[in-house]
PDB file of N, CA and C in Angstrom:
ATOM      1  N   MET A   1      -6.234  10.551  -9.610  1.00  0.00           N
ATOM      2  CA  MET A   1      -6.305   9.459 -10.544  1.00  0.00           C
ATOM      3  C   MET A   1      -7.188   9.845 -11.731  1.00  0.00           C
ATOM      4  N   VAL A   2      -8.244  10.573 -11.450  1.00  0.00           N
ATOM      5  CA  VAL A   2      -9.135  10.995 -12.531  1.00  0.00           C
ATOM      6  C   VAL A   2      -8.405  11.908 -13.510  1.00  0.00           C
ATOM      7  N   LEU A   3      -7.612  12.836 -12.977  1.00  0.00           N
ATOM      8  CA  LEU A   3      -6.841  13.725 -13.852  1.00  0.00           C
ATOM      9  C   LEU A   3      -5.850  12.935 -14.707  1.00  0.00           C
ATOM     10  N   LYS A   4      -5.176  11.984 -14.108  1.00  0.00           N
ATOM     11  CA  LYS A   4      -4.195  11.187 -14.832  1.00  0.00           C
ATOM     12  C   LYS A   4      -4.869  10.357 -15.920  1.00  0.00           C
ATOM     13  N   MET A   5      -6.007   9.738 -15.607  1.00  0.00           N
ATOM     14  CA  MET A   5      -6.709   8.909 -16.580  1.00  0.00           C
ATOM     15  C   MET A   5      -7.282   9.727 -17.732  1.00  0.00           C
ATOM     16  N   SER A   6      -7.622  10.983 -17.468  1.00  0.00           N
ATOM     17  CA  SER A   6      -8.192  11.819 -18.520  1.00  0.00           C
ATOM     18  C   SER A   6      -7.121  12.543 -19.333  1.00  0.00           C
ATOM     19  N   GLY A   7      -5.845  12.358 -18.969  1.00  0.00           N
ATOM     20  CA  GLY A   7      -4.757  12.957 -19.726  1.00  0.00           C
ATOM     21  C   GLY A   7      -4.424  14.384 -19.328  1.00  0.00           C
ATOM     22  N   CYS A   8      -5.007  14.874 -18.245  1.00  0.00           N
ATOM     23  CA  CYS A   8      -4.713  16.240 -17.779  1.00  0.00           C
ATOM     24  C   CYS A   8      -3.382  16.268 -17.033  1.00  0.00           C
ATOM     25  N   ALA A   9      -2.808  17.445 -16.951  1.00  0.00           N
ATOM     26  CA  ALA A   9      -1.553  17.614 -16.218  1.00  0.00           C
ATOM     27  C   ALA A   9      -1.824  17.521 -14.716  1.00  0.00           C
ATOM     28  N   LEU A  10      -0.942  16.807 -14.017  1.00  0.00           N
ATOM     29  CA  LEU A  10      -1.074  16.688 -12.567  1.00  0.00           C
ATOM     30  C   LEU A  10      -0.481  17.925 -11.914  1.00  0.00           C
ATOM     31  N   SER A  11      -1.125  18.392 -10.840  1.00  0.00           N
ATOM     32  CA  SER A  11      -0.684  19.622 -10.201  1.00  0.00           C
ATOM     33  C   SER A  11      -0.771  19.491  -8.683  1.00  0.00           C
ATOM     34  N   VAL A  12       0.303  19.864  -8.010  1.00  0.00           N
ATOM     35  CA  VAL A  12       0.309  19.871  -6.547  1.00  0.00           C
ATOM     36  C   VAL A  12      -0.685  20.904  -6.029  1.00  0.00           C
ATOM     37  N   ASN A  13      -0.800  22.027  -6.700  1.00  0.00           N
ATOM     38  CA  ASN A  13      -1.737  23.073  -6.275  1.00  0.00           C
ATOM     39  C   ASN A  13      -3.187  22.589  -6.335  1.00  0.00           C
ATOM     40  N   THR A  14      -3.533  21.840  -7.362  1.00  0.00           N
ATOM     41  CA  THR A  14      -4.888  21.289  -7.458  1.00  0.00           C
ATOM     42  C   THR A  14      -5.141  20.308  -6.322  1.00  0.00           C
ATOM     43  N   PHE A  15      -4.159  19.436  -6.051  1.00  0.00           N
ATOM     44  CA  PHE A  15      -4.297  18.474  -4.957  1.00  0.00           C
ATOM     45  C   PHE A  15      -4.471  19.197  -3.629  1.00  0.00           C
ATOM     46  N   ALA A  16      -3.649  20.216  -3.378  1.00  0.00           N
ATOM     47  CA  ALA A  16      -3.718  20.965  -2.119  1.00  0.00           C
ATOM     48  C   ALA A  16      -5.021  21.733  -1.975  1.00  0.00           C
ATOM     49  N   HIS A  17      -5.628  22.100  -3.093  1.00  0.00           N
ATOM     50  CA  HIS A  17      -6.902  22.833  -3.053  1.00  0.00           C
ATOM     51  C   HIS A  17      -8.040  21.939  -2.551  1.00  0.00           C
ATOM     52  N   TYR A  18      -8.020  20.663  -2.903  1.00  0.00           N
ATOM     53  CA  TYR A  18      -9.123  19.758  -2.581  1.00  0.00           C
ATOM     54  C   TYR A  18      -8.880  18.850  -1.375  1.00  0.00           C
ATOM     55  N   TYR A  19      -7.621  18.699  -0.946  1.00  0.00           N
ATOM     56  CA  TYR A  19      -7.316  17.770   0.142  1.00  0.00           C
ATOM     57  C   TYR A  19      -6.559  18.467   1.263  1.00  0.00           C
ATOM     58  N   GLU A  20      -6.647  17.891   2.466  1.00  0.00           N
ATOM     59  CA  GLU A  20      -5.933  18.393   3.622  1.00  0.00           C
ATOM     60  C   GLU A  20      -5.426  17.205   4.430  1.00  0.00           C
ATOM     61  N   THR A  21      -4.436  17.454   5.287  1.00  0.00           N
ATOM     62  CA  THR A  21      -3.946  16.384   6.154  1.00  0.00           C
ATOM     63  C   THR A  21      -4.838  16.302   7.386  1.00  0.00           C
ATOM     64  N   LYS A  22      -5.068  15.083   7.828  1.00  0.00           N
ATOM     65  CA  LYS A  22      -5.898  14.854   9.009  1.00  0.00           C
ATOM     66  C   LYS A  22      -5.125  13.973   9.975  1.00  0.00           C
ATOM     67  N   LEU A  23      -5.103  14.392  11.234  1.00  0.00           N
ATOM     68  CA  LEU A  23      -4.408  13.645  12.270  1.00  0.00           C
ATOM     69  C   LEU A  23      -5.356  12.616  12.877  1.00  0.00           C
ATOM     70  N   HIS A  24      -4.890  11.385  12.943  1.00  0.00           N
ATOM     71  CA  HIS A  24      -5.635  10.319  13.613  1.00  0.00           C
ATOM     72  C   HIS A  24      -4.818   9.918  14.829  1.00  0.00           C
ATOM     73  N   LYS A  25      -5.266  10.352  15.996  1.00  0.00           N
ATOM     74  CA  LYS A  25      -4.527  10.098  17.231  1.00  0.00           C
ATOM     75  C   LYS A  25      -4.726   8.661  17.683  1.00  0.00           C
ATOM     76  N   LYS A  26      -3.701   8.098  18.248  1.00  0.00           N
ATOM     77  CA  LYS A  26      -3.759   6.755  18.810  1.00  0.00           C
ATOM     78  C   LYS A  26      -4.127   6.879  20.280  1.00  0.00           C
ATOM     79  N   MET A  27      -5.251   6.310  20.665  1.00  0.00           N
ATOM     80  CA  MET A  27      -5.695   6.354  22.058  1.00  0.00           C
ATOM     81  C   MET A  27      -5.300   5.046  22.749  1.00  0.00           C
ATOM     82  N   VAL A  28      -4.788   5.174  23.962  1.00  0.00           N
ATOM     83  CA  VAL A  28      -4.429   4.007  24.769  1.00  0.00           C
ATOM     84  C   VAL A  28      -5.104   4.128  26.132  1.00  0.00           C
ATOM     85  N   LYS A  29      -5.272   2.990  26.780  1.00  0.00           N
ATOM     86  CA  LYS A  29      -5.909   2.982  28.100  1.00  0.00           C
ATOM     87  C   LYS A  29      -4.874   2.564  29.144  1.00  0.00           C
ATOM     88  N   ASP A  30      -4.734   3.373  30.168  1.00  0.00           N
ATOM     89  CA  ASP A  30      -3.816   3.061  31.262  1.00  0.00           C
ATOM     90  C   ASP A  30      -4.413   1.920  32.076  1.00  0.00           C
ATOM     91  N   LYS A  31      -3.646   0.853  32.257  1.00  0.00           N
ATOM     92  CA  LYS A  31      -4.167  -0.334  32.960  1.00  0.00           C
ATOM     93  C   LYS A  31      -4.403  -0.078  34.441  1.00  0.00           C
ATOM     94  N   GLN A  32      -3.617   0.800  35.035  1.00  0.00           N
ATOM     95  CA  GLN A  32      -3.751   1.042  36.472  1.00  0.00           C
ATOM     96  C   GLN A  32      -4.893   2.001  36.783  1.00  0.00           C
ATOM     97  N   THR A  33      -4.966   3.125  36.062  1.00  0.00           N
ATOM     98  CA  THR A  33      -5.973   4.137  36.380  1.00  0.00           C
ATOM     99  C   THR A  33      -7.241   4.007  35.548  1.00  0.00           C
ATOM    100  N   LYS A  34      -7.203   3.135  34.520  1.00  0.00           N
ATOM    101  CA  LYS A  34      -8.360   2.904  33.631  1.00  0.00           C
ATOM    102  C   LYS A  34      -8.789   4.156  32.866  1.00  0.00           C
ATOM    103  N   THR A  35      -7.857   5.088  32.673  1.00  0.00           N
ATOM    104  CA  THR A  35      -8.177   6.302  31.924  1.00  0.00           C
ATOM    105  C   THR A  35      -7.598   6.206  30.513  1.00  0.00           C
ATOM    106  N   LYS A  36      -8.298   6.835  29.574  1.00  0.00           N
ATOM    107  CA  LYS A  36      -7.815   6.882  28.202  1.00  0.00           C
ATOM    108  C   LYS A  36      -6.949   8.118  28.020  1.00  0.00           C
ATOM    109  N   MET A  37      -5.888   7.960  27.238  1.00  0.00           N
ATOM    110  CA  MET A  37      -5.023   9.089  26.947  1.00  0.00           C
ATOM    111  C   MET A  37      -4.465   8.944  25.533  1.00  0.00           C
ATOM    112  N   VAL A  38      -3.959  10.055  25.027  1.00  0.00           N
ATOM    113  CA  VAL A  38      -3.398  10.069  23.680  1.00  0.00           C
ATOM    114  C   VAL A  38      -1.972   9.534  23.740  1.00  0.00           C
ATOM    115  N   ALA A  39      -1.672   8.559  22.888  1.00  0.00           N
ATOM    116  CA  ALA A  39      -0.315   8.016  22.815  1.00  0.00           C
ATOM    117  C   ALA A  39       0.590   9.023  22.114  1.00  0.00           C
ATOM    118  N   GLN A  40       1.871   8.797  22.175  1.00  0.00           N
ATOM    119  CA  GLN A  40       2.830   9.714  21.571  1.00  0.00           C
ATOM    120  C   GLN A  40       3.050   9.445  20.089  1.00  0.00           C
ATOM    121  N   TYR A  41       2.139   8.732  19.460  1.00  0.00           N
ATOM    122  CA  TYR A  41       2.238   8.475  18.031  1.00  0.00           C
ATOM    123  C   TYR A  41       0.827   8.403  17.453  1.00  0.00           C
ATOM    124  N   GLY A  42       0.747   8.445  16.162  1.00  0.00           N
ATOM    125  CA  GLY A  42      -0.518   8.388  15.456  1.00  0.00           C
ATOM    126  C   GLY A  42      -0.222   8.360  13.970  1.00  0.00           C
ATOM    127  N   SER A  43      -1.141   8.841  13.169  1.00  0.00           N
ATOM    128  CA  SER A  43      -0.879   8.880  11.736  1.00  0.00           C
ATOM    129  C   SER A  43      -1.554  10.095  11.115  1.00  0.00           C
ATOM    130  N   TYR A  44      -0.975  10.558  10.029  1.00  0.00           N
ATOM    131  CA  TYR A  44      -1.561  11.623   9.227  1.00  0.00           C
ATOM    132  C   TYR A  44      -1.997  11.027   7.901  1.00  0.00           C
ATOM    133  N   ASN A  45      -3.186  11.372   7.461  1.00  0.00           N
ATOM    134  CA  ASN A  45      -3.706  10.915   6.180  1.00  0.00           C
ATOM    135  C   ASN A  45      -4.230  12.107   5.405  1.00  0.00           C
ATOM    136  N   PHE A  46      -4.347  11.944   4.099  1.00  0.00           N
ATOM    137  CA  PHE A  46      -4.973  12.964   3.273  1.00  0.00           C
ATOM    138  C   PHE A  46      -6.451  12.662   3.157  1.00  0.00           C
ATOM    139  N   GLY A  47      -7.266  13.678   3.346  1.00  0.00           N
ATOM    140  CA  GLY A  47      -8.709  13.529   3.207  1.00  0.00           C
ATOM    141  C   GLY A  47      -9.281  14.740   2.501  1.00  0.00           C
ATOM    142  N   PRO A  48     -10.448  14.593   1.902  1.00  0.00           N
ATOM    143  CA  PRO A  48     -11.058  15.731   1.212  1.00  0.00           C
ATOM    144  C   PRO A  48     -11.350  16.865   2.184  1.00  0.00           C
ATOM    145  N   LYS A  49     -11.150  18.088   1.724  1.00  0.00           N
ATOM    146  CA  LYS A  49     -11.473  19.251   2.551  1.00  0.00           C
ATOM    147  C   LYS A  49     -12.969  19.359   2.694  1.00  0.00           C
ATOM    148  N   LYS A  50     -13.392  19.770   3.848  1.00  0.00           N
ATOM    149  CA  LYS A  50     -14.812  20.032   4.070  1.00  0.00           C
ATOM    150  C   LYS A  50     -15.097  21.475   3.689  1.00  0.00           C
ATOM    151  N   THR A  51     -16.079  21.647   2.858  1.00  0.00           N
ATOM    152  CA  THR A  51     -16.481  22.997   2.455  1.00  0.00           C
ATOM    153  C   THR A  51     -17.956  23.177   2.728  1.00  0.00           C
ATOM    154  N   GLU A  52     -18.440  24.367   2.603  1.00  0.00           N
ATOM    155  CA  GLU A  52     -19.855  24.636   2.864  1.00  0.00           C
ATOM    156  C   GLU A  52     -20.770  23.931   1.873  1.00  0.00           C
ATOM    157  N   ASP A  53     -20.266  23.670   0.668  1.00  0.00           N
ATOM    158  CA  ASP A  53     -21.112  23.100  -0.375  1.00  0.00           C
ATOM    159  C   ASP A  53     -21.176  21.585  -0.353  1.00  0.00           C
ATOM    160  N   THR A  54     -20.374  20.911   0.487  1.00  0.00           N
ATOM    161  CA  THR A  54     -20.376  19.439   0.501  1.00  0.00           C
ATOM    162  C   THR A  54     -21.368  18.932   1.527  1.00  0.00           C
ATOM    163  N   VAL A  55     -21.794  17.712   1.300  1.00  0.00           N
ATOM    164  CA  VAL A  55     -22.750  17.082   2.209  1.00  0.00           C
ATOM    165  C   VAL A  55     -21.996  16.165   3.137  1.00  0.00           C
TER     166      VAL A  55
END
């Protein structure tokens, strides 16, 4: 959004350099055994890449 607002050209390579996909697993609890397990679905989101220089 910052690039678009400043009038710069948008680039997939720039986006891919700073962001990565992150898997968010859906956890469910079995009612009989009371154990937690990963469901067969979840979601992927884009999040900033973690680098050595970030806090």
